[in-house]
N, C-alpha and C. Protein backbone atom coordinates (compact mmCIF):
# COMPACT_ATOMS: atom_id res chain seq x y z
N MET A 1 37.37 51.93 30.36
CA MET A 1 36.79 50.95 29.47
C MET A 1 35.56 50.10 30.02
N THR A 2 34.72 50.63 31.37
CA THR A 2 33.66 50.31 31.59
C THR A 2 32.35 50.59 30.59
N SER A 3 32.53 51.77 30.07
CA SER A 3 31.75 52.42 29.22
C SER A 3 31.77 51.71 28.02
N ALA A 4 33.17 50.91 27.48
CA ALA A 4 33.37 50.34 26.18
C ALA A 4 32.49 49.13 26.51
N LYS A 5 32.85 48.24 26.95
CA LYS A 5 31.78 47.25 27.55
C LYS A 5 30.60 47.09 27.73
N TYR A 6 29.76 47.63 28.21
CA TYR A 6 28.74 48.15 28.40
C TYR A 6 28.09 48.53 26.87
N TRP A 7 28.60 49.28 26.21
CA TRP A 7 27.93 50.14 24.76
C TRP A 7 28.19 48.61 24.24
N TRP A 8 28.92 47.72 24.05
CA TRP A 8 28.92 46.23 23.52
C TRP A 8 28.15 45.52 23.95
N ALA A 9 28.04 45.41 25.09
CA ALA A 9 27.24 44.20 25.99
C ALA A 9 25.73 44.47 26.04
N HIS A 10 24.97 45.44 25.34
CA HIS A 10 23.71 46.27 24.90
C HIS A 10 23.40 46.48 23.47
N ARG A 11 24.20 46.09 22.59
CA ARG A 11 24.09 46.00 21.37
C ARG A 11 23.27 44.96 20.85
N LYS A 12 21.91 44.70 20.09
CA LYS A 12 20.97 43.70 19.32
C LYS A 12 22.26 42.75 18.95
N VAL A 13 21.77 41.43 17.63
CA VAL A 13 22.57 40.45 17.40
C VAL A 13 22.14 40.74 15.89
N LEU A 14 23.13 42.12 15.34
CA LEU A 14 22.76 42.19 13.85
C LEU A 14 22.90 40.61 13.33
N THR A 15 22.16 41.51 12.03
CA THR A 15 22.18 40.25 10.88
C THR A 15 23.81 40.21 10.51
N TYR A 16 24.90 41.25 10.58
CA TYR A 16 25.94 41.11 10.15
C TYR A 16 27.26 39.84 10.82
N TYR A 17 26.77 39.48 12.20
CA TYR A 17 27.05 38.60 12.88
C TYR A 17 26.46 37.49 12.96
N LYS A 18 25.91 37.37 11.94
CA LYS A 18 25.02 35.87 11.75
C LYS A 18 25.69 35.61 10.57
N GLN A 19 26.33 36.19 9.59
CA GLN A 19 26.08 35.64 8.29
C GLN A 19 27.92 35.10 8.00
N ALA A 20 28.51 34.64 7.47
CA ALA A 20 29.55 34.40 6.89
C ALA A 20 30.44 35.73 6.28
N GLN A 21 31.38 35.96 6.03
CA GLN A 21 31.72 37.27 5.83
C GLN A 21 32.90 36.96 4.34
N PRO A 22 33.22 37.86 2.94
CA PRO A 22 33.94 37.59 2.36
C PRO A 22 35.40 36.60 3.24
N TRP A 23 35.43 37.50 3.88
CA TRP A 23 37.04 37.00 4.44
C TRP A 23 37.01 35.78 5.69
N THR A 24 36.11 35.27 5.58
CA THR A 24 35.81 34.21 6.48
C THR A 24 36.55 32.95 6.13
N PRO A 25 36.64 32.66 4.83
CA PRO A 25 37.02 31.30 4.83
C PRO A 25 38.68 31.55 4.72
N ALA A 26 39.13 32.74 4.73
CA ALA A 26 40.55 32.68 5.13
C ALA A 26 41.26 32.72 6.50
N LEU A 27 40.29 33.67 6.93
CA LEU A 27 40.12 33.10 8.72
C LEU A 27 40.01 31.68 8.77
N VAL A 28 38.87 31.17 8.58
CA VAL A 28 39.29 29.97 8.60
C VAL A 28 40.04 29.02 8.34
N ASP A 29 40.87 29.60 7.65
CA ASP A 29 42.15 28.86 7.15
C ASP A 29 43.03 28.58 8.06
N ALA A 30 43.29 29.75 7.85
CA ALA A 30 44.64 30.44 9.07
C ALA A 30 43.98 29.45 10.24
N VAL A 31 42.96 29.31 10.86
CA VAL A 31 42.98 28.99 12.27
C VAL A 31 42.91 27.07 12.18
N VAL A 32 42.61 26.67 11.35
CA VAL A 32 42.76 25.34 11.00
C VAL A 32 43.65 25.00 10.69
N ALA A 33 44.63 25.48 10.14
CA ALA A 33 46.21 25.07 9.47
C ALA A 33 46.97 24.96 10.71
N SER A 34 46.51 25.97 11.47
CA SER A 34 47.71 25.38 12.61
C SER A 34 47.38 24.07 13.23
N GLU A 35 46.67 23.43 12.97
CA GLU A 35 46.55 22.40 13.71
C GLU A 35 45.68 22.21 15.34
N PRO A 36 45.29 23.11 15.68
CA PRO A 36 44.85 23.18 16.95
C PRO A 36 43.46 22.13 17.71
N GLY A 37 43.79 22.17 18.94
CA GLY A 37 42.87 20.73 18.93
C GLY A 37 41.80 21.82 20.20
N ARG A 38 42.15 22.75 21.11
CA ARG A 38 41.46 23.62 21.54
C ARG A 38 41.09 25.27 21.31
N VAL A 39 40.53 25.63 20.79
CA VAL A 39 40.55 27.35 20.38
C VAL A 39 39.47 27.97 20.87
N VAL A 40 39.99 29.07 21.55
CA VAL A 40 39.17 30.15 21.38
C VAL A 40 38.53 31.37 20.96
N GLU A 41 37.64 31.82 21.01
CA GLU A 41 37.64 32.92 20.15
C GLU A 41 36.88 33.86 21.49
N PHE A 42 38.36 35.53 21.23
CA PHE A 42 37.70 36.53 21.98
C PHE A 42 36.86 37.58 21.86
N GLY A 43 35.27 37.69 22.03
CA GLY A 43 34.64 38.72 21.13
C GLY A 43 34.17 38.17 20.16
N CYS A 44 33.39 36.92 20.34
CA CYS A 44 32.80 36.00 19.48
C CYS A 44 31.23 36.51 18.75
N ASN A 45 30.79 37.51 19.41
CA ASN A 45 29.32 37.81 19.67
C ASN A 45 28.66 36.11 19.37
N ALA A 46 27.85 36.57 18.26
CA ALA A 46 26.80 34.96 17.82
C ALA A 46 27.87 33.87 17.82
N GLY A 47 28.85 33.76 17.15
CA GLY A 47 29.56 33.19 16.85
C GLY A 47 29.75 32.49 15.50
N ARG A 48 29.46 33.65 14.79
CA ARG A 48 29.90 32.89 12.98
C ARG A 48 30.85 32.03 12.99
N ASN A 49 32.16 32.89 13.55
CA ASN A 49 33.59 32.75 13.28
C ASN A 49 33.77 31.13 13.60
N LEU A 50 33.20 30.96 14.60
CA LEU A 50 33.20 29.78 15.64
C LEU A 50 32.34 28.39 14.67
N ARG A 51 31.30 28.82 14.29
CA ARG A 51 30.56 28.18 13.68
C ARG A 51 31.02 27.83 11.95
N ALA A 52 31.77 28.54 11.50
CA ALA A 52 32.61 28.24 10.34
C ALA A 52 33.83 26.90 10.57
N ILE A 53 34.59 27.64 11.64
CA ILE A 53 35.79 26.22 11.53
C ILE A 53 34.84 25.43 12.29
N ARG A 54 33.44 25.15 13.02
CA ARG A 54 33.00 23.77 13.36
C ARG A 54 33.33 22.99 11.74
N GLU A 55 32.26 23.85 10.83
CA GLU A 55 31.98 23.00 9.87
C GLU A 55 33.75 22.62 9.01
N ARG A 56 33.97 23.24 9.20
CA ARG A 56 35.39 22.90 8.41
C ARG A 56 36.08 21.75 9.29
N ASP A 57 36.16 21.45 10.51
CA ASP A 57 36.84 20.83 11.45
C ASP A 57 35.85 20.69 12.74
N PRO A 58 35.15 19.31 12.69
CA PRO A 58 34.36 19.04 13.87
C PRO A 58 35.17 18.88 14.87
N ARG A 59 36.41 18.51 14.74
CA ARG A 59 37.12 17.73 16.09
C ARG A 59 37.82 18.85 16.75
N ILE A 60 37.82 19.92 15.91
CA ILE A 60 38.58 21.03 17.18
C ILE A 60 37.12 21.63 17.99
N GLU A 61 37.72 21.28 19.42
CA GLU A 61 36.71 21.68 20.29
C GLU A 61 36.75 23.42 20.57
N LEU A 62 35.81 24.19 20.44
CA LEU A 62 35.13 25.87 20.19
C LEU A 62 35.21 25.72 21.59
N VAL A 63 35.65 27.62 21.65
CA VAL A 63 34.68 28.25 23.16
C VAL A 63 34.75 29.58 22.48
N GLY A 64 33.65 30.03 22.87
CA GLY A 64 33.90 31.70 22.28
C GLY A 64 33.16 32.51 23.91
N ILE A 65 34.03 34.02 24.17
CA ILE A 65 33.74 34.44 24.78
C ILE A 65 33.53 35.70 24.31
N ASP A 66 32.16 36.00 24.95
CA ASP A 66 31.42 37.95 24.39
C ASP A 66 31.06 38.39 25.58
N VAL A 67 30.85 40.25 25.70
CA VAL A 67 29.74 40.53 26.80
C VAL A 67 28.57 40.18 26.86
N ASN A 68 27.96 40.18 25.14
CA ASN A 68 27.24 40.72 24.78
C ASN A 68 26.10 39.60 25.16
N ALA A 69 25.57 39.32 26.40
CA ALA A 69 24.70 38.01 27.00
C ALA A 69 23.46 37.68 25.40
N THR A 70 23.16 38.53 24.81
CA THR A 70 21.78 38.18 23.99
C THR A 70 22.59 37.62 22.94
N ALA A 71 23.81 38.20 22.27
CA ALA A 71 24.35 37.62 21.07
C ALA A 71 24.67 36.15 21.84
N VAL A 72 25.24 36.30 22.75
CA VAL A 72 26.14 34.51 23.20
C VAL A 72 24.94 33.59 23.29
N GLU A 73 23.30 33.63 23.82
CA GLU A 73 22.83 33.25 24.02
C GLU A 73 21.81 33.03 22.52
N TRP A 74 21.90 33.58 21.31
CA TRP A 74 21.41 33.89 20.14
C TRP A 74 22.77 32.06 20.02
N GLY A 75 23.93 32.15 19.77
CA GLY A 75 24.65 31.28 19.21
C GLY A 75 24.58 29.98 19.87
N ARG A 76 24.04 30.24 21.38
CA ARG A 76 24.06 28.71 22.05
C ARG A 76 22.78 28.23 21.46
N ARG A 77 22.23 29.04 21.30
CA ARG A 77 20.32 28.05 21.07
C ARG A 77 20.13 27.99 19.52
N ASN A 78 20.66 28.87 18.94
CA ASN A 78 21.20 28.20 17.04
C ASN A 78 21.73 27.73 16.59
N TRP A 79 23.26 28.06 17.22
CA TRP A 79 24.30 27.26 16.59
C TRP A 79 24.98 26.31 17.13
N GLY A 80 24.32 26.13 18.80
CA GLY A 80 24.62 24.66 19.45
C GLY A 80 26.22 25.06 19.85
N LEU A 81 26.65 26.60 19.86
CA LEU A 81 28.05 26.70 20.26
C LEU A 81 28.25 26.60 21.82
N ASP A 82 29.55 26.71 22.17
CA ASP A 82 29.79 27.09 23.31
C ASP A 82 30.27 28.18 23.85
N LEU A 83 29.45 29.08 23.99
CA LEU A 83 29.57 30.51 24.03
C LEU A 83 29.31 31.00 25.81
N ARG A 84 30.13 31.87 25.93
CA ARG A 84 30.00 32.28 27.57
C ARG A 84 30.10 33.70 27.33
N VAL A 85 29.43 34.10 28.54
CA VAL A 85 29.33 35.67 28.50
C VAL A 85 30.49 36.28 29.79
N GLY A 86 31.18 37.00 29.25
CA GLY A 86 32.36 37.50 30.16
C GLY A 86 33.13 38.54 29.14
N ASP A 87 34.16 38.73 29.90
CA ASP A 87 35.28 39.42 29.56
C ASP A 87 36.63 38.39 29.27
N GLU A 88 37.63 39.29 28.94
CA GLU A 88 39.13 38.56 29.14
C GLU A 88 39.45 38.29 30.76
N SER A 89 38.88 38.28 31.91
CA SER A 89 39.43 37.25 32.58
C SER A 89 38.72 36.09 32.67
N LEU A 90 37.83 35.50 31.63
CA LEU A 90 36.91 34.68 31.49
C LEU A 90 38.28 33.59 30.85
N LEU A 91 39.36 34.49 30.53
CA LEU A 91 40.38 33.59 29.24
C LEU A 91 41.09 33.10 30.51
N GLU A 92 41.58 33.35 31.54
CA GLU A 92 42.42 32.97 32.77
C GLU A 92 41.81 31.81 33.35
N LEU A 93 40.20 31.49 33.04
CA LEU A 93 39.97 30.23 33.73
C LEU A 93 40.54 29.03 32.71
N ASP A 94 40.97 29.24 31.71
CA ASP A 94 41.07 27.73 30.94
C ASP A 94 42.32 27.70 29.78
N ALA A 95 43.14 26.66 29.39
CA ALA A 95 44.28 27.00 28.63
C ALA A 95 43.74 26.70 27.19
N TYR A 96 44.21 27.14 26.25
CA TYR A 96 43.86 26.68 24.54
C TYR A 96 45.08 26.72 23.57
N ASP A 97 44.86 26.08 22.75
CA ASP A 97 45.80 25.90 21.89
C ASP A 97 46.17 27.26 21.25
N LEU A 98 45.07 27.57 20.82
CA LEU A 98 44.62 28.68 19.86
C LEU A 98 43.76 30.11 20.27
N ALA A 99 44.04 31.26 20.46
CA ALA A 99 42.97 32.30 20.51
C ALA A 99 43.34 33.12 19.34
N PHE A 100 41.89 33.88 19.07
CA PHE A 100 41.81 34.32 18.15
C PHE A 100 40.79 35.84 18.50
N THR A 101 40.98 36.85 18.15
CA THR A 101 40.01 38.21 17.62
C THR A 101 39.84 38.74 16.29
N VAL A 102 38.75 39.20 16.12
CA VAL A 102 38.25 39.53 14.78
C VAL A 102 37.73 41.27 15.24
N SER A 103 38.25 42.20 15.14
CA SER A 103 37.67 43.22 15.40
C SER A 103 37.35 43.67 16.78
N VAL A 104 37.94 43.31 17.99
CA VAL A 104 37.71 42.80 19.01
C VAL A 104 38.57 44.52 19.90
N ILE A 105 39.85 43.74 19.75
CA ILE A 105 40.46 44.85 20.70
C ILE A 105 40.37 46.02 20.26
N ASP A 106 40.50 46.78 19.19
CA ASP A 106 40.31 47.76 18.63
C ASP A 106 39.41 48.94 18.81
N HIS A 107 38.17 48.04 19.57
CA HIS A 107 37.27 48.57 20.38
C HIS A 107 37.46 48.62 22.09
N ILE A 108 38.76 48.33 22.45
CA ILE A 108 38.78 49.01 23.35
C ILE A 108 39.66 49.83 24.13
N PRO A 109 39.44 50.42 24.82
CA PRO A 109 40.20 51.58 24.94
C PRO A 109 41.39 51.76 25.54
N GLU A 110 41.46 50.69 26.38
CA GLU A 110 42.88 50.61 27.23
C GLU A 110 43.04 49.01 27.33
N PRO A 111 43.94 48.83 26.19
CA PRO A 111 43.53 46.97 25.62
C PRO A 111 44.74 46.15 26.26
N GLU A 112 45.74 46.85 27.20
CA GLU A 112 46.47 45.99 27.84
C GLU A 112 46.23 44.87 28.37
N ALA A 113 45.02 44.99 29.19
CA ALA A 113 44.89 43.46 30.44
C ALA A 113 43.98 42.73 29.18
N ALA A 114 43.01 42.49 28.26
CA ALA A 114 42.92 42.30 27.44
C ALA A 114 44.03 41.58 26.12
N ILE A 115 44.95 42.02 26.05
CA ILE A 115 45.85 41.50 25.31
C ILE A 115 46.53 40.23 25.84
N ALA A 116 46.81 40.65 27.32
CA ALA A 116 48.05 40.00 28.07
C ALA A 116 47.42 38.66 28.35
N ALA A 117 45.81 38.89 28.66
CA ALA A 117 45.11 37.77 28.76
C ALA A 117 44.96 36.41 27.82
N ILE A 118 44.68 37.22 26.45
CA ILE A 118 44.98 36.59 25.32
C ILE A 118 46.39 35.83 24.98
N VAL A 119 47.17 36.61 25.36
CA VAL A 119 48.65 35.56 25.15
C VAL A 119 48.66 34.68 26.34
N LYS A 120 48.07 35.22 27.41
CA LYS A 120 48.40 33.99 28.37
C LYS A 120 47.57 32.65 27.94
N ALA A 121 46.37 32.96 27.64
CA ALA A 121 45.54 31.84 27.29
C ALA A 121 46.12 30.80 26.58
N ALA A 122 46.89 31.20 25.18
CA ALA A 122 47.28 30.50 24.16
C ALA A 122 48.65 30.72 23.78
N PRO A 123 49.29 29.29 23.40
CA PRO A 123 50.86 29.58 22.79
C PRO A 123 50.63 30.49 21.49
N LEU A 124 49.92 30.62 20.88
CA LEU A 124 49.62 30.80 19.53
C LEU A 124 48.18 31.71 19.87
N VAL A 125 48.75 32.89 18.34
CA VAL A 125 47.24 33.66 18.90
C VAL A 125 47.27 34.67 17.55
N ILE A 126 45.83 34.57 17.13
CA ILE A 126 45.75 35.46 16.36
C ILE A 126 44.74 36.38 16.29
N LEU A 127 45.28 37.24 15.75
CA LEU A 127 44.40 39.10 15.97
C LEU A 127 44.54 39.68 14.69
N VAL A 128 43.10 39.57 14.55
CA VAL A 128 42.81 40.33 13.02
C VAL A 128 41.89 41.91 13.74
N GLU A 129 43.15 43.06 13.52
CA GLU A 129 42.87 43.81 14.18
C GLU A 129 43.13 45.41 12.77
N PRO A 130 42.55 45.98 13.10
CA PRO A 130 43.19 47.41 12.10
C PRO A 130 44.29 48.02 12.54
N TRP A 131 45.36 48.37 11.87
CA TRP A 131 46.68 49.06 12.26
C TRP A 131 47.09 50.34 11.21
N LEU A 132 46.38 51.50 11.79
CA LEU A 132 46.65 52.75 10.88
C LEU A 132 47.90 53.43 10.86
N GLY A 133 48.81 53.01 11.75
CA GLY A 133 50.61 53.50 11.52
C GLY A 133 50.17 54.31 12.32
N HIS A 134 49.54 54.57 13.73
CA HIS A 134 49.48 55.00 14.98
C HIS A 134 48.73 54.81 15.71
N GLU A 135 48.94 55.00 16.90
CA GLU A 135 48.12 54.14 18.20
C GLU A 135 46.95 55.51 18.71
N GLY A 136 45.76 55.00 18.94
CA GLY A 136 44.73 55.90 19.62
C GLY A 136 43.30 56.12 19.14
N HIS A 137 42.84 56.90 19.62
CA HIS A 137 41.16 56.53 18.63
C HIS A 137 41.04 57.21 17.44
N VAL A 138 40.31 56.33 17.00
CA VAL A 138 39.74 56.62 15.22
C VAL A 138 38.81 56.81 14.75
N GLU A 139 38.24 58.15 14.40
CA GLU A 139 36.74 58.40 13.97
C GLU A 139 36.34 57.62 13.24
N SER A 140 34.91 57.16 13.91
CA SER A 140 34.03 56.17 13.46
C SER A 140 32.57 56.08 13.41
N HIS A 141 31.87 55.20 12.84
CA HIS A 141 30.53 54.85 13.37
C HIS A 141 29.90 54.78 15.00
N ASN A 142 31.39 54.21 15.48
CA ASN A 142 30.72 54.14 17.06
C ASN A 142 31.69 54.71 18.02
N PRO A 143 31.32 54.83 19.25
CA PRO A 143 32.37 55.77 20.15
C PRO A 143 33.65 54.91 20.09
N TYR A 144 33.60 53.78 20.14
CA TYR A 144 35.11 53.35 20.20
C TYR A 144 35.46 52.40 19.45
N THR A 145 36.59 53.14 19.00
CA THR A 145 37.38 52.27 17.84
C THR A 145 38.64 52.89 17.83
N TYR A 146 40.09 52.23 18.14
CA TYR A 146 41.07 52.61 18.70
C TYR A 146 42.11 51.92 17.18
N SER A 147 43.37 52.44 17.04
CA SER A 147 44.30 51.92 16.41
C SER A 147 45.63 51.64 17.37
N TRP A 148 45.98 50.26 17.22
CA TRP A 148 46.71 49.58 18.23
C TRP A 148 47.89 49.13 17.67
N ASP A 149 49.19 49.20 18.49
CA ASP A 149 50.57 48.81 17.35
C ASP A 149 50.33 47.42 17.77
N TYR A 150 49.77 46.19 17.66
CA TYR A 150 49.46 44.91 18.13
C TYR A 150 50.79 44.17 18.01
N ALA A 151 52.09 44.11 17.06
CA ALA A 151 53.32 43.93 16.88
C ALA A 151 54.24 44.17 17.54
N THR A 152 53.92 45.40 18.10
CA THR A 152 54.44 45.52 19.61
C THR A 152 54.60 45.55 20.66
N ARG A 153 52.75 45.39 21.11
CA ARG A 153 52.52 44.95 22.31
C ARG A 153 53.01 43.49 22.17
N LEU A 154 52.81 42.68 21.25
CA LEU A 154 52.61 41.12 21.32
C LEU A 154 54.43 40.65 21.68
N ARG A 155 55.13 41.41 20.80
CA ARG A 155 56.65 41.59 20.82
C ARG A 155 56.89 41.31 22.63
N ALA A 156 56.61 42.35 23.05
CA ALA A 156 56.66 43.34 24.15
C ALA A 156 56.05 41.95 25.18
N LEU A 157 55.39 41.57 25.20
CA LEU A 157 54.75 40.02 25.70
C LEU A 157 55.12 39.11 25.72
N GLY A 158 56.68 38.46 24.57
CA GLY A 158 57.62 37.76 24.94
C GLY A 158 56.64 36.62 23.10
N MET A 159 56.14 37.46 22.51
CA MET A 159 55.57 36.81 21.13
C MET A 159 56.45 37.02 19.99
N SER A 160 56.81 35.59 19.31
CA SER A 160 57.39 36.37 17.97
C SER A 160 55.97 36.44 16.68
N VAL A 161 56.27 37.55 16.04
CA VAL A 161 54.79 38.00 15.37
C VAL A 161 55.37 38.04 13.96
N THR A 162 54.25 38.04 13.12
CA THR A 162 54.33 37.74 11.74
C THR A 162 52.96 38.94 11.08
N VAL A 163 53.04 39.81 10.87
CA VAL A 163 52.07 40.38 10.18
C VAL A 163 51.54 40.69 8.92
N ARG A 164 50.48 40.53 8.04
CA ARG A 164 50.06 40.13 6.72
C ARG A 164 48.79 41.28 6.65
N LYS A 165 48.66 41.84 5.61
CA LYS A 165 47.35 42.44 4.95
C LYS A 165 46.26 41.62 5.27
N PHE A 166 44.92 41.87 5.92
CA PHE A 166 43.81 41.38 6.13
C PHE A 166 42.73 41.66 6.19
N PRO A 167 42.26 42.80 4.33
CA PRO A 167 41.18 43.72 4.86
C PRO A 167 39.25 42.88 5.20
N LEU A 168 38.78 43.54 6.13
CA LEU A 168 37.53 43.28 6.21
C LEU A 168 36.68 43.68 5.63
N SER A 169 37.12 45.18 4.44
CA SER A 169 36.02 45.38 3.51
C SER A 169 36.64 46.68 3.03
N ASP A 170 36.06 47.35 2.13
CA ASP A 170 36.67 48.48 1.77
C ASP A 170 36.08 49.39 2.06
N ALA A 171 35.07 49.58 3.09
CA ALA A 171 34.44 50.52 3.81
C ALA A 171 35.62 50.88 4.83
N SER A 172 35.23 52.32 5.14
CA SER A 172 35.57 52.53 6.37
C SER A 172 37.19 52.28 6.89
N ILE A 173 37.52 51.66 8.23
CA ILE A 173 38.99 51.48 8.08
C ILE A 173 39.11 50.13 7.44
N GLY A 174 38.10 48.92 6.78
CA GLY A 174 38.53 48.16 6.71
C GLY A 174 39.21 47.69 5.92
N PRO A 175 40.41 48.38 5.34
CA PRO A 175 41.61 48.10 4.12
C PRO A 175 42.70 48.23 5.17
N GLU A 176 42.37 48.72 6.40
CA GLU A 176 43.33 48.69 7.34
C GLU A 176 43.93 47.72 8.32
N TYR A 177 42.79 47.00 8.14
CA TYR A 177 42.94 45.79 9.03
C TYR A 177 43.93 44.18 8.78
N ARG A 178 44.62 43.99 9.93
CA ARG A 178 46.09 42.66 9.42
C ARG A 178 45.55 41.64 10.11
N MET A 179 46.08 41.02 9.93
CA MET A 179 46.61 39.81 10.43
C MET A 179 47.29 39.22 11.40
N PHE A 180 47.63 39.74 12.50
CA PHE A 180 48.64 39.36 13.35
C PHE A 180 48.86 37.97 13.89
N ARG A 181 49.94 37.31 13.31
CA ARG A 181 50.21 36.04 13.92
C ARG A 181 50.90 35.89 14.80
N ALA A 182 50.78 35.48 16.20
CA ALA A 182 52.00 35.95 17.05
C ALA A 182 51.78 34.29 18.47
N LYS A 183 53.03 33.71 18.22
CA LYS A 183 53.63 32.26 18.56
C LYS A 183 54.41 32.73 19.89
N ARG A 184 54.11 32.37 20.89
CA ARG A 184 55.11 32.37 22.39
C ARG A 184 56.51 31.56 21.83
N LYS A 185 57.58 32.35 21.96
CA LYS A 185 58.88 31.93 21.81
C LYS A 185 59.36 30.96 22.32
């Protein structure tokens, strides 16, 4: 996992991570509809999702965590977001009403610790991640892309789970993305 963290931590801040995407309103709808007071995005990069949530409902307290210090600094400086450099261990330092990811855990070769930390951090979890029907490495444009059975893993941690299709794009594995909404029982 150290290699995956290093790879993601040392990427430049791509324009893609600074711009809202076609699926952004649907993600924001899902977060805001839950009426959370405090939200954390694990793997926020520069914070574009948090920025969109803040624009919709500025009353929600937002925190972002990412391993990429350059992206975190960019989001702090340009958007005034509360972004923090770190990994899943930072989730243990605070409590949130809702924790979410967008295509983050699919880049972690051993996802157990990250999923457990997210579930522990908030009673409501939204994961937007790909599921290809089998677990393991996925051939892709980067060396760290995986398909994990999030529904089974979340249920094993005592969460009730609903799943719906949530395509991020028509390219690569984009159509295989799902929104896993999990709530503590």
